[in-house]
């Protein structure tokens, strides 16, 4: 079986109807630069949406992060 690239694995995950964050991509795919991989996928023509989330961490500090999802074919 041939190894698939991080982009291919992330795309398959998104096409399965799942959403992904940088933390999830690191744990599932060893990807430390999810935004770069999403940009690569967008350059290939895939329609990927982004939602920004805001939370407060356990120390009371605001945390902002992106959640990516597949919007289907253009």
N, C-alpha and C. Protein backbone atom coordinates (compact mmCIF):
# COMPACT_ATOMS: atom_id res chain seq x y z
N UNK A 1 0.84 -1.18 0.00
CA UNK A 1 0.00 0.00 0.00
C UNK A 1 0.88 1.24 0.00
N UNK A 2 0.56 2.20 -0.84
CA UNK A 2 1.39 3.39 -0.91
C UNK A 2 0.96 4.40 0.14
N UNK A 3 1.92 5.14 0.65
CA UNK A 3 1.63 6.17 1.64
C UNK A 3 0.94 7.35 0.97
N UNK A 4 -0.11 7.82 1.61
CA UNK A 4 -0.80 9.00 1.10
C UNK A 4 -0.24 10.24 1.79
N UNK A 5 -0.26 11.35 1.09
CA UNK A 5 0.26 12.59 1.65
C UNK A 5 -0.67 13.10 2.75
N UNK A 6 -0.16 14.02 3.55
CA UNK A 6 -1.00 14.63 4.58
C UNK A 6 -2.20 15.30 3.94
N UNK A 7 -2.01 15.97 2.82
CA UNK A 7 -3.13 16.63 2.13
C UNK A 7 -4.20 15.62 1.76
N UNK A 8 -3.79 14.49 1.21
CA UNK A 8 -4.76 13.47 0.80
C UNK A 8 -5.52 12.91 1.99
N UNK A 9 -4.83 12.68 3.09
CA UNK A 9 -5.48 12.14 4.28
C UNK A 9 -6.41 13.16 4.92
N UNK A 10 -5.99 14.42 4.95
CA UNK A 10 -6.85 15.47 5.50
C UNK A 10 -8.08 15.65 4.63
N UNK A 11 -7.90 15.64 3.32
CA UNK A 11 -9.04 15.78 2.40
C UNK A 11 -10.03 14.64 2.59
N UNK A 12 -9.55 13.41 2.69
CA UNK A 12 -10.45 12.27 2.90
C UNK A 12 -11.22 12.43 4.21
N UNK A 13 -10.56 12.90 5.24
CA UNK A 13 -11.19 13.14 6.54
C UNK A 13 -12.31 14.18 6.40
N UNK A 14 -12.01 15.27 5.70
CA UNK A 14 -13.00 16.32 5.51
C UNK A 14 -14.16 15.86 4.64
N UNK A 15 -13.86 15.11 3.58
CA UNK A 15 -14.92 14.62 2.69
C UNK A 15 -15.83 13.62 3.38
N UNK A 16 -15.36 13.06 4.48
CA UNK A 16 -16.18 12.14 5.28
C UNK A 16 -17.18 12.90 6.15
N UNK A 17 -17.22 14.22 5.99
CA UNK A 17 -18.17 15.05 6.73
C UNK A 17 -17.67 15.51 8.08
N UNK A 18 -16.39 15.31 8.35
CA UNK A 18 -15.83 15.70 9.64
C UNK A 18 -15.19 17.07 9.54
N UNK A 19 -15.10 17.73 10.67
CA UNK A 19 -14.41 19.03 10.78
C UNK A 19 -13.07 18.79 11.43
N UNK A 20 -12.11 19.68 11.14
CA UNK A 20 -10.76 19.46 11.66
C UNK A 20 -10.17 20.76 12.20
N UNK A 21 -9.42 20.62 13.28
CA UNK A 21 -8.66 21.72 13.87
C UNK A 21 -7.18 21.36 13.83
N UNK A 22 -6.33 22.32 14.14
CA UNK A 22 -4.89 22.07 14.15
C UNK A 22 -4.54 20.97 15.16
N UNK A 23 -5.19 20.98 16.31
CA UNK A 23 -4.91 19.97 17.33
C UNK A 23 -5.28 18.57 16.84
N UNK A 24 -6.43 18.44 16.23
CA UNK A 24 -6.87 17.15 15.70
C UNK A 24 -5.94 16.69 14.59
N UNK A 25 -5.55 17.60 13.70
CA UNK A 25 -4.69 17.20 12.58
C UNK A 25 -3.32 16.73 13.08
N UNK A 26 -2.84 17.33 14.15
CA UNK A 26 -1.56 16.90 14.72
C UNK A 26 -1.67 15.49 15.28
N UNK A 27 -2.74 15.23 16.01
CA UNK A 27 -2.90 13.91 16.64
C UNK A 27 -3.21 12.81 15.62
N UNK A 28 -4.00 13.12 14.62
CA UNK A 28 -4.39 12.09 13.65
C UNK A 28 -3.36 11.89 12.54
N UNK A 29 -2.77 12.99 12.06
CA UNK A 29 -1.95 12.91 10.86
C UNK A 29 -0.51 13.38 11.06
N UNK A 30 -0.16 13.83 12.25
CA UNK A 30 1.18 14.34 12.50
C UNK A 30 1.43 15.65 11.78
N UNK A 31 0.38 16.35 11.43
CA UNK A 31 0.47 17.60 10.68
C UNK A 31 0.60 18.78 11.64
N UNK A 32 1.71 19.49 11.55
CA UNK A 32 1.93 20.63 12.43
C UNK A 32 1.57 21.96 11.76
N UNK A 33 1.23 21.93 10.48
CA UNK A 33 0.90 23.16 9.75
C UNK A 33 -0.39 22.97 8.96
N UNK A 34 -1.50 22.80 9.69
CA UNK A 34 -2.78 22.54 9.03
C UNK A 34 -3.18 23.67 8.09
N UNK A 35 -3.00 24.92 8.49
CA UNK A 35 -3.39 26.03 7.62
C UNK A 35 -2.66 25.97 6.27
N UNK A 36 -1.41 25.55 6.29
CA UNK A 36 -0.66 25.41 5.03
C UNK A 36 -1.22 24.28 4.18
N UNK A 37 -1.58 23.16 4.82
CA UNK A 37 -2.15 22.04 4.06
C UNK A 37 -3.52 22.42 3.49
N UNK A 38 -4.31 23.19 4.24
CA UNK A 38 -5.61 23.66 3.75
C UNK A 38 -5.39 24.58 2.55
N UNK A 39 -4.40 25.46 2.63
CA UNK A 39 -4.08 26.34 1.51
C UNK A 39 -3.68 25.52 0.28
N UNK A 40 -2.92 24.45 0.49
CA UNK A 40 -2.54 23.57 -0.62
C UNK A 40 -3.78 22.95 -1.26
N UNK A 41 -4.71 22.49 -0.43
CA UNK A 41 -5.94 21.88 -0.95
C UNK A 41 -6.79 22.90 -1.70
N UNK A 42 -6.85 24.12 -1.20
CA UNK A 42 -7.60 25.17 -1.89
C UNK A 42 -6.96 25.48 -3.24
N UNK A 43 -5.63 25.47 -3.30
CA UNK A 43 -4.94 25.70 -4.58
C UNK A 43 -5.26 24.60 -5.58
N UNK A 44 -5.51 23.40 -5.08
CA UNK A 44 -5.90 22.27 -5.95
C UNK A 44 -7.34 22.41 -6.42
N UNK A 45 -8.09 23.37 -5.85
CA UNK A 45 -9.46 23.62 -6.28
C UNK A 45 -10.54 23.08 -5.36
N UNK A 46 -10.17 22.57 -4.21
CA UNK A 46 -11.17 22.05 -3.28
C UNK A 46 -11.81 23.19 -2.50
N UNK A 47 -13.11 23.08 -2.29
CA UNK A 47 -13.89 24.11 -1.62
C UNK A 47 -13.94 23.79 -0.12
N UNK A 48 -13.06 24.42 0.65
CA UNK A 48 -12.96 24.16 2.08
C UNK A 48 -13.30 25.44 2.83
N UNK A 49 -14.25 25.33 3.75
CA UNK A 49 -14.67 26.48 4.53
C UNK A 49 -13.94 26.55 5.86
N UNK A 50 -14.00 27.73 6.46
CA UNK A 50 -13.34 27.97 7.74
C UNK A 50 -14.30 28.68 8.68
N UNK A 51 -14.34 28.23 9.90
CA UNK A 51 -15.07 28.90 10.97
C UNK A 51 -14.07 29.20 12.07
N UNK A 52 -14.08 30.41 12.57
CA UNK A 52 -13.21 30.76 13.68
C UNK A 52 -13.97 30.55 14.99
N UNK A 53 -13.33 29.91 15.92
CA UNK A 53 -13.91 29.67 17.24
C UNK A 53 -13.14 30.46 18.28
N UNK A 54 -13.85 30.89 19.29
CA UNK A 54 -13.26 31.63 20.40
C UNK A 54 -13.66 30.96 21.69
N UNK A 55 -12.69 30.69 22.54
CA UNK A 55 -12.93 30.06 23.83
C UNK A 55 -12.04 30.71 24.87
N UNK A 56 -12.32 30.44 26.12
CA UNK A 56 -11.49 30.89 27.22
C UNK A 56 -10.82 29.65 27.80
N UNK A 57 -9.49 29.70 27.93
CA UNK A 57 -8.77 28.54 28.48
C UNK A 57 -8.90 28.50 30.00
N UNK A 58 -8.30 27.49 30.60
CA UNK A 58 -8.43 27.28 32.06
C UNK A 58 -7.81 28.41 32.88
N UNK A 59 -6.94 29.21 32.26
CA UNK A 59 -6.33 30.35 32.95
C UNK A 59 -7.09 31.65 32.71
N UNK A 60 -8.19 31.56 31.98
CA UNK A 60 -9.00 32.74 31.70
C UNK A 60 -8.55 33.54 30.49
N UNK A 61 -7.62 32.99 29.72
CA UNK A 61 -7.13 33.68 28.53
C UNK A 61 -7.96 33.33 27.30
N UNK A 62 -8.22 34.30 26.44
CA UNK A 62 -8.98 34.00 25.22
C UNK A 62 -8.12 33.20 24.24
N UNK A 63 -8.74 32.24 23.59
CA UNK A 63 -8.06 31.40 22.61
C UNK A 63 -8.89 31.42 21.33
N UNK A 64 -8.24 31.67 20.21
CA UNK A 64 -8.90 31.69 18.92
C UNK A 64 -8.29 30.60 18.05
N UNK A 65 -9.13 29.83 17.36
CA UNK A 65 -8.62 28.79 16.48
C UNK A 65 -9.59 28.55 15.32
N UNK A 66 -9.06 27.99 14.25
CA UNK A 66 -9.85 27.73 13.05
C UNK A 66 -10.37 26.30 13.04
N UNK A 67 -11.59 26.15 12.52
CA UNK A 67 -12.19 24.84 12.28
C UNK A 67 -12.47 24.77 10.79
N UNK A 68 -11.92 23.78 10.12
CA UNK A 68 -12.07 23.64 8.68
C UNK A 68 -13.06 22.52 8.35
N UNK A 69 -13.79 22.71 7.24
CA UNK A 69 -14.76 21.72 6.80
C UNK A 69 -14.86 21.75 5.27
N UNK A 70 -15.29 20.64 4.71
CA UNK A 70 -15.42 20.51 3.26
C UNK A 70 -16.80 21.01 2.86
N UNK A 71 -16.84 21.92 1.89
CA UNK A 71 -18.11 22.50 1.43
C UNK A 71 -18.64 21.83 0.17
N UNK A 72 -18.00 20.80 -0.28
CA UNK A 72 -18.45 20.13 -1.50
C UNK A 72 -17.77 20.69 -2.73
N UNK A 73 -18.12 20.11 -3.85
CA UNK A 73 -17.50 20.53 -5.11
C UNK A 73 -18.04 21.88 -5.56
N UNK A 74 -17.17 22.66 -6.20
CA UNK A 74 -17.55 23.99 -6.70
C UNK A 74 -18.42 23.88 -7.91
